[in-house]
C-alpha atoms as a PDB file:
ATOM      1  CA  MET A   1     -10.270 157.882-129.630  1.00  0.00           C
ATOM      2  CA  TYR A   2     -12.800 155.664-131.381  1.00  0.00           C
ATOM      3  CA  ASN A   3     -16.059 157.210-130.171  1.00  0.00           C
ATOM      4  CA  HIS A   4     -16.532 159.328-133.298  1.00  0.00           C
ATOM      5  CA  ILE A   5     -16.227 156.203-135.569  1.00  0.00           C
ATOM      6  CA  TRP A   6     -18.609 154.161-133.435  1.00  0.00           C
ATOM      7  CA  LYS A   7     -21.128 156.992-133.439  1.00  0.00           C
ATOM      8  CA  LYS A   8     -21.006 156.978-137.191  1.00  0.00           C
ATOM      9  CA  TYR A   9     -21.911 153.266-137.218  1.00  0.00           C
ATOM     10  CA  LEU A  10     -24.464 153.454-134.291  1.00  0.00           C
ATOM     11  CA  PRO A  11     -27.640 153.857-136.490  1.00  0.00           C
ATOM     12  CA  ILE A  12     -26.757 150.705-138.332  1.00  0.00           C
ATOM     13  CA  ILE A  13     -25.753 148.852-135.198  1.00  0.00           C
ATOM     14  CA  ARG A  14     -29.201 149.703-133.655  1.00  0.00           C
ATOM     15  CA  ILE A  15     -30.881 148.270-136.682  1.00  0.00           C
ATOM     16  CA  LEU A  16     -28.796 145.148-136.518  1.00  0.00           C
ATOM     17  CA  MET A  17     -29.628 144.747-132.815  1.00  0.00           C
ATOM     18  CA  LYS A  18     -33.328 144.748-133.666  1.00  0.00           C
ATOM     19  CA  LYS A  19     -32.855 142.361-136.627  1.00  0.00           C
ATOM     20  CA  SER A  20     -30.691 139.936-134.546  1.00  0.00           C
ATOM     21  CA  VAL A  21     -33.746 138.870-132.601  1.00  0.00           C
ATOM     22  CA  SER A  22     -34.444 136.511-135.475  1.00  0.00           C
ATOM     23  CA  ASP A  23     -31.006 135.912-136.907  1.00  0.00           C
ATOM     24  CA  GLU A  24     -27.303 136.747-136.335  1.00  0.00           C
ATOM     25  CA  GLN A  25     -26.203 139.922-138.176  1.00  0.00           C
ATOM     26  CA  VAL A  26     -22.878 140.932-139.632  1.00  0.00           C
ATOM     27  CA  LEU A  27     -21.710 144.370-140.565  1.00  0.00           C
ATOM     28  CA  ASP A  28     -18.535 144.899-142.557  1.00  0.00           C
ATOM     29  CA  LEU A  29     -16.639 147.898-141.121  1.00  0.00           C
ATOM     30  CA  ASN A  30     -14.123 150.192-142.878  1.00  0.00           C
ATOM     31  CA  ARG A  31     -10.722 149.081-141.680  1.00  0.00           C
ATOM     32  CA  ILE A  32      -9.120 152.404-142.651  1.00  0.00           C
ATOM     33  CA  ASP A  33     -11.319 154.371-140.150  1.00  0.00           C
ATOM     34  CA  PHE A  34      -9.968 152.326-137.257  1.00  0.00           C
ATOM     35  CA  GLU A  35      -6.326 152.273-138.431  1.00  0.00           C
ATOM     36  CA  ARG A  36      -6.250 156.031-138.802  1.00  0.00           C
ATOM     37  CA  ALA A  37      -7.832 156.632-135.267  1.00  0.00           C
ATOM     38  CA  GLY A  38      -5.909 153.934-133.440  1.00  0.00           C
ATOM     39  CA  THR A  39      -2.444 152.900-132.658  1.00  0.00           C
ATOM     40  CA  GLY A  40      -2.211 150.237-135.353  1.00  0.00           C
ATOM     41  CA  ARG A  41      -2.599 146.531-134.975  1.00  0.00           C
ATOM     42  CA  LYS A  42      -1.248 146.631-131.409  1.00  0.00           C
ATOM     43  CA  ALA A  43      -4.502 148.145-130.212  1.00  0.00           C
ATOM     44  CA  GLY A  44      -6.080 144.770-130.795  1.00  0.00           C
ATOM     45  CA  TYR A  45      -8.909 144.844-133.325  1.00  0.00           C
ATOM     46  CA  LYS A  46     -10.675 141.711-131.997  1.00  0.00           C
ATOM     47  CA  PHE A  47     -13.156 141.654-129.126  1.00  0.00           C
ATOM     48  CA  LYS A  48     -16.388 140.340-127.707  1.00  0.00           C
ATOM     49  CA  ILE A  49     -18.848 142.345-125.594  1.00  0.00           C
ATOM     50  CA  ASP A  50     -21.638 140.605-123.699  1.00  0.00           C
ATOM     51  CA  PHE A  51     -24.587 142.912-123.082  1.00  0.00           C
ATOM     52  CA  THR A  52     -26.727 141.262-120.342  1.00  0.00           C
ATOM     53  CA  ASP A  53     -29.707 142.944-118.587  1.00  0.00           C
ATOM     54  CA  GLY A  54     -28.839 146.283-120.125  1.00  0.00           C
ATOM     55  CA  LYS A  55     -25.205 146.254-118.892  1.00  0.00           C
ATOM     56  CA  VAL A  56     -21.827 145.017-120.099  1.00  0.00           C
ATOM     57  CA  GLY A  57     -21.514 141.546-118.606  1.00  0.00           C
ATOM     58  CA  ASN A  58     -17.848 140.834-119.311  1.00  0.00           C
ATOM     59  CA  VAL A  59     -14.442 142.544-118.860  1.00  0.00           C
ATOM     60  CA  ILE A  60     -13.520 144.658-121.866  1.00  0.00           C
ATOM     61  CA  SER A  61     -11.064 147.047-120.147  1.00  0.00           C
ATOM     62  CA  GLY A  62      -8.192 145.481-122.231  1.00  0.00           C
ATOM     63  CA  SER A  63      -9.629 146.749-125.442  1.00  0.00           C
ATOM     64  CA  PRO A  64     -10.187 150.465-126.060  1.00  0.00           C
ATOM     65  CA  LEU A  65     -12.117 149.647-129.221  1.00  0.00           C
ATOM     66  CA  ALA A  66     -14.565 147.529-127.223  1.00  0.00           C
ATOM     67  CA  MET A  67     -14.785 149.997-124.368  1.00  0.00           C
ATOM     68  CA  HIS A  68     -15.605 152.902-126.744  1.00  0.00           C
ATOM     69  CA  LEU A  69     -18.260 150.852-128.623  1.00  0.00           C
ATOM     70  CA  ALA A  70     -19.931 149.887-125.261  1.00  0.00           C
ATOM     71  CA  GLN A  71     -19.825 153.503-124.139  1.00  0.00           C
ATOM     72  CA  VAL A  72     -21.445 154.809-127.375  1.00  0.00           C
ATOM     73  CA  ILE A  73     -24.162 152.137-127.180  1.00  0.00           C
ATOM     74  CA  MET A  74     -24.868 152.712-123.470  1.00  0.00           C
ATOM     75  CA  GLU A  75     -25.096 156.512-123.974  1.00  0.00           C
ATOM     76  CA  ASP A  76     -27.731 156.142-126.725  1.00  0.00           C
ATOM     77  CA  ASP A  77     -31.356 156.086-125.410  1.00  0.00           C
ATOM     78  CA  SER A  78     -32.709 154.025-128.278  1.00  0.00           C
ATOM     79  CA  ALA A  79     -29.951 151.388-128.066  1.00  0.00           C
ATOM     80  CA  ARG A  80     -30.397 151.174-124.278  1.00  0.00           C
ATOM     81  CA  GLU A  81     -34.043 150.481-124.768  1.00  0.00           C
ATOM     82  CA  ILE A  82     -33.129 147.577-127.046  1.00  0.00           C
ATOM     83  CA  LEU A  83     -30.495 146.303-124.531  1.00  0.00           C
ATOM     84  CA  ASN A  84     -33.098 146.400-121.736  1.00  0.00           C
ATOM     85  CA  GLU A  85     -35.393 144.017-123.768  1.00  0.00           C
ATOM     86  CA  HIS A  86     -32.789 141.559-125.043  1.00  0.00           C
ATOM     87  CA  ASN A  87     -29.274 140.275-124.297  1.00  0.00           C
ATOM     88  CA  PHE A  88     -26.618 140.551-127.037  1.00  0.00           C
ATOM     89  CA  GLU A  89     -23.173 139.381-127.867  1.00  0.00           C
ATOM     90  CA  VAL A  90     -21.330 141.834-130.015  1.00  0.00           C
ATOM     91  CA  SER A  91     -17.997 140.864-131.457  1.00  0.00           C
ATOM     92  CA  LEU A  92     -15.457 142.062-133.881  1.00  0.00           C
ATOM     93  CA  ASN A  93     -13.141 139.769-135.784  1.00  0.00           C
ATOM     94  CA  THR A  94      -9.837 140.469-137.506  1.00  0.00           C
ATOM     95  CA  LYS A  95     -11.550 141.006-140.898  1.00  0.00           C
ATOM     96  CA  PHE A  96     -13.347 144.012-139.318  1.00  0.00           C
ATOM     97  CA  GLN A  97     -16.725 142.222-139.352  1.00  0.00           C
ATOM     98  CA  LEU A  98     -18.967 143.258-136.424  1.00  0.00           C
ATOM     99  CA  THR A  99     -21.300 140.467-135.477  1.00  0.00           C
ATOM    100  CA  VAL A 100     -24.425 141.146-133.432  1.00  0.00           C
ATOM    101  CA  LYS A 101     -26.064 138.040-131.897  1.00  0.00           C
ATOM    102  CA  ASN A 102     -29.166 137.882-129.713  1.00  0.00           C
ATOM    103  CA  VAL A 103     -28.436 135.512-126.838  1.00  0.00           C
ATOM    104  CA  GLU A 104     -31.681 134.772-125.019  1.00  0.00           C
END
């Protein structure tokens, strides 16, 4: 449902993952993309994903948006390389700001 949207943002997310080693990064997403693809506000547009040791380290099954982002990142070879080198916290707030934070 959201995979095509996350794939559009993936190149930018990879850059932010690299940059987040020195400082937290924020990406403003297009709210309309997600509202068209989803089931409206009920889908829950707020989440946090912990990437630890190259894997998702927390339960995200309650958020399709988070599950699809994690899937898109894990399927990308370049992103997986970055995940294997560093631990990240990726979160989305209600203002559609995706925050990428390196948590070493």
